[in-house]
Amino acid sequence: MLAADWMLRLTQVLRLLPVLLVVILSTPAWLVWPFLPAARQKVVLEMVRELVVWTYGPQKPEQDR
């Protein structure tokens, strides 16, 4: 039981490492955000949406009650 819990935690940490890397590397984009044209702002927001979807992973659809 302990090994399964340990593996779950390790998997969660490994899944978050790329997210942290992207956040750190995207810092310049957020610093120049007010100066970006609207099209570039949309690209940055789309990147963030995709990162959120990737981080949460596949979700089960809600079942009707």
N, C-alpha and C. Protein backbone atom coordinates (compact mmCIF):
# COMPACT_ATOMS: atom_id res chain seq x y z
N MET A 1 0.82 -1.19 0.00
CA MET A 1 0.00 0.00 0.00
C MET A 1 0.86 1.25 0.00
N LEU A 2 1.94 1.23 0.75
CA LEU A 2 2.84 2.37 0.81
C LEU A 2 3.51 2.61 -0.53
N ALA A 3 3.88 1.55 -1.22
CA ALA A 3 4.54 1.69 -2.52
C ALA A 3 3.60 2.33 -3.54
N ALA A 4 2.33 1.97 -3.51
CA ALA A 4 1.37 2.54 -4.44
C ALA A 4 1.20 4.04 -4.19
N ASP A 5 1.13 4.43 -2.93
CA ASP A 5 0.99 5.84 -2.59
C ASP A 5 2.24 6.61 -3.02
N TRP A 6 3.40 6.03 -2.81
CA TRP A 6 4.65 6.66 -3.20
C TRP A 6 4.72 6.85 -4.71
N MET A 7 4.30 5.85 -5.46
CA MET A 7 4.32 5.93 -6.92
C MET A 7 3.34 7.00 -7.41
N LEU A 8 2.20 7.11 -6.77
CA LEU A 8 1.22 8.14 -7.14
C LEU A 8 1.82 9.53 -6.93
N ARG A 9 2.44 9.76 -5.81
CA ARG A 9 3.06 11.06 -5.53
C ARG A 9 4.18 11.36 -6.52
N LEU A 10 5.00 10.38 -6.81
CA LEU A 10 6.09 10.56 -7.77
C LEU A 10 5.54 10.92 -9.15
N THR A 11 4.49 10.26 -9.56
CA THR A 11 3.87 10.54 -10.86
C THR A 11 3.32 11.96 -10.89
N GLN A 12 2.71 12.39 -9.80
CA GLN A 12 2.17 13.75 -9.75
C GLN A 12 3.29 14.79 -9.84
N VAL A 13 4.37 14.55 -9.13
CA VAL A 13 5.50 15.49 -9.17
C VAL A 13 6.11 15.53 -10.56
N LEU A 14 6.30 14.38 -11.18
CA LEU A 14 6.88 14.35 -12.51
C LEU A 14 5.97 15.03 -13.53
N ARG A 15 4.69 14.94 -13.33
CA ARG A 15 3.75 15.59 -14.25
C ARG A 15 3.78 17.11 -14.09
N LEU A 16 4.09 17.60 -12.90
CA LEU A 16 4.12 19.03 -12.66
C LEU A 16 5.43 19.69 -13.08
N LEU A 17 6.51 18.94 -13.20
CA LEU A 17 7.79 19.54 -13.58
C LEU A 17 7.73 20.29 -14.91
N PRO A 18 7.16 19.72 -15.97
CA PRO A 18 7.07 20.50 -17.21
C PRO A 18 6.22 21.76 -17.07
N VAL A 19 5.20 21.70 -16.22
CA VAL A 19 4.36 22.87 -16.00
C VAL A 19 5.19 23.98 -15.36
N LEU A 20 5.96 23.63 -14.36
CA LEU A 20 6.82 24.63 -13.71
C LEU A 20 7.83 25.21 -14.70
N LEU A 21 8.39 24.37 -15.54
CA LEU A 21 9.34 24.83 -16.54
C LEU A 21 8.68 25.82 -17.50
N VAL A 22 7.48 25.50 -17.96
CA VAL A 22 6.77 26.40 -18.88
C VAL A 22 6.44 27.72 -18.19
N VAL A 23 6.03 27.66 -16.95
CA VAL A 23 5.70 28.89 -16.22
C VAL A 23 6.94 29.77 -16.09
N ILE A 24 8.05 29.18 -15.75
CA ILE A 24 9.28 29.95 -15.59
C ILE A 24 9.73 30.54 -16.94
N LEU A 25 9.67 29.72 -17.99
CA LEU A 25 10.11 30.20 -19.29
C LEU A 25 9.14 31.20 -19.92
N SER A 26 7.89 31.20 -19.50
CA SER A 26 6.93 32.15 -20.07
C SER A 26 6.88 33.47 -19.30
N THR A 27 7.69 33.63 -18.29
CA THR A 27 7.72 34.87 -17.52
C THR A 27 7.92 36.10 -18.39
N PRO A 28 8.84 36.07 -19.37
CA PRO A 28 8.98 37.27 -20.22
C PRO A 28 7.70 37.62 -20.97
N ALA A 29 6.93 36.62 -21.38
CA ALA A 29 5.67 36.90 -22.08
C ALA A 29 4.70 37.64 -21.16
N TRP A 30 4.68 37.27 -19.88
CA TRP A 30 3.77 37.95 -18.96
C TRP A 30 4.26 39.34 -18.62
N LEU A 31 5.58 39.55 -18.61
CA LEU A 31 6.12 40.88 -18.32
C LEU A 31 5.81 41.88 -19.43
N VAL A 32 5.76 41.40 -20.68
CA VAL A 32 5.48 42.29 -21.80
C VAL A 32 4.01 42.23 -22.22
N TRP A 33 3.18 41.57 -21.44
CA TRP A 33 1.77 41.37 -21.77
C TRP A 33 1.05 42.67 -22.17
N PRO A 34 1.21 43.76 -21.43
CA PRO A 34 0.47 44.99 -21.81
C PRO A 34 0.89 45.54 -23.19
N PHE A 35 2.06 45.18 -23.64
CA PHE A 35 2.57 45.73 -24.89
C PHE A 35 2.34 44.80 -26.08
N LEU A 36 1.79 43.61 -25.83
CA LEU A 36 1.56 42.67 -26.92
C LEU A 36 0.30 43.03 -27.70
N PRO A 37 0.32 42.81 -29.02
CA PRO A 37 -0.92 43.00 -29.78
C PRO A 37 -1.95 41.93 -29.39
N ALA A 38 -3.20 42.19 -29.70
CA ALA A 38 -4.29 41.29 -29.30
C ALA A 38 -4.08 39.87 -29.82
N ALA A 39 -3.55 39.74 -31.04
CA ALA A 39 -3.34 38.40 -31.61
C ALA A 39 -2.32 37.62 -30.78
N ARG A 40 -1.27 38.27 -30.36
CA ARG A 40 -0.25 37.59 -29.54
C ARG A 40 -0.80 37.25 -28.15
N GLN A 41 -1.64 38.12 -27.61
CA GLN A 41 -2.24 37.82 -26.31
C GLN A 41 -3.11 36.57 -26.40
N LYS A 42 -3.82 36.42 -27.51
CA LYS A 42 -4.65 35.22 -27.70
C LYS A 42 -3.79 33.97 -27.77
N VAL A 43 -2.62 34.06 -28.40
CA VAL A 43 -1.71 32.91 -28.48
C VAL A 43 -1.24 32.51 -27.08
N VAL A 44 -0.89 33.49 -26.27
CA VAL A 44 -0.43 33.20 -24.91
C VAL A 44 -1.55 32.58 -24.08
N LEU A 45 -2.76 33.11 -24.21
CA LEU A 45 -3.89 32.55 -23.46
C LEU A 45 -4.22 31.13 -23.91
N GLU A 46 -4.11 30.86 -25.20
CA GLU A 46 -4.35 29.51 -25.71
C GLU A 46 -3.31 28.54 -25.16
N MET A 47 -2.06 29.00 -25.08
CA MET A 47 -1.00 28.16 -24.51
C MET A 47 -1.33 27.81 -23.06
N VAL A 48 -1.81 28.79 -22.31
CA VAL A 48 -2.16 28.55 -20.91
C VAL A 48 -3.32 27.56 -20.82
N ARG A 49 -4.33 27.70 -21.67
CA ARG A 49 -5.47 26.77 -21.66
C ARG A 49 -5.00 25.34 -21.96
N GLU A 50 -4.15 25.19 -22.96
CA GLU A 50 -3.64 23.86 -23.30
C GLU A 50 -2.81 23.27 -22.17
N LEU A 51 -2.06 24.11 -21.49
CA LEU A 51 -1.25 23.65 -20.36
C LEU A 51 -2.15 23.17 -19.22
N VAL A 52 -3.22 23.89 -18.98
CA VAL A 52 -4.17 23.48 -17.92
C VAL A 52 -4.81 22.14 -18.28
N VAL A 53 -5.24 21.98 -19.53
CA VAL A 53 -5.85 20.72 -19.95
C VAL A 53 -4.85 19.58 -19.82
N TRP A 54 -3.63 19.81 -20.23
CA TRP A 54 -2.60 18.76 -20.16
C TRP A 54 -2.30 18.40 -18.71
N THR A 55 -2.27 19.41 -17.83
CA THR A 55 -1.95 19.17 -16.42
C THR A 55 -3.03 18.33 -15.75
N TYR A 56 -4.29 18.65 -16.01
CA TYR A 56 -5.38 17.89 -15.39
C TYR A 56 -5.54 16.51 -15.98
N GLY A 57 -5.12 16.33 -17.21
CA GLY A 57 -5.23 15.02 -17.85
C GLY A 57 -6.66 14.74 -18.28
N PRO A 58 -6.86 13.54 -18.79
CA PRO A 58 -8.21 13.20 -19.26
C PRO A 58 -9.21 13.20 -18.09
N GLN A 59 -10.34 13.77 -18.35
CA GLN A 59 -11.40 13.85 -17.33
C GLN A 59 -12.55 12.95 -17.73
N LYS A 60 -13.16 12.34 -16.74
CA LYS A 60 -14.36 11.54 -16.99
C LYS A 60 -15.52 12.50 -17.22
N PRO A 61 -16.36 12.23 -18.21
CA PRO A 61 -17.53 13.09 -18.39
C PRO A 61 -18.49 12.94 -17.21
N GLU A 62 -19.15 14.01 -16.87
CA GLU A 62 -20.14 13.97 -15.80
C GLU A 62 -21.29 13.06 -16.23
N GLN A 63 -21.71 12.22 -15.34
CA GLN A 63 -22.81 11.33 -15.65
C GLN A 63 -24.12 11.99 -15.25
N ASP A 64 -25.14 11.85 -16.10
CA ASP A 64 -26.45 12.42 -15.78
C ASP A 64 -27.07 11.63 -14.63
N ARG A 65 -27.75 12.34 -13.79
CA ARG A 65 -28.37 11.66 -12.64
C ARG A 65 -29.83 11.45 -12.89
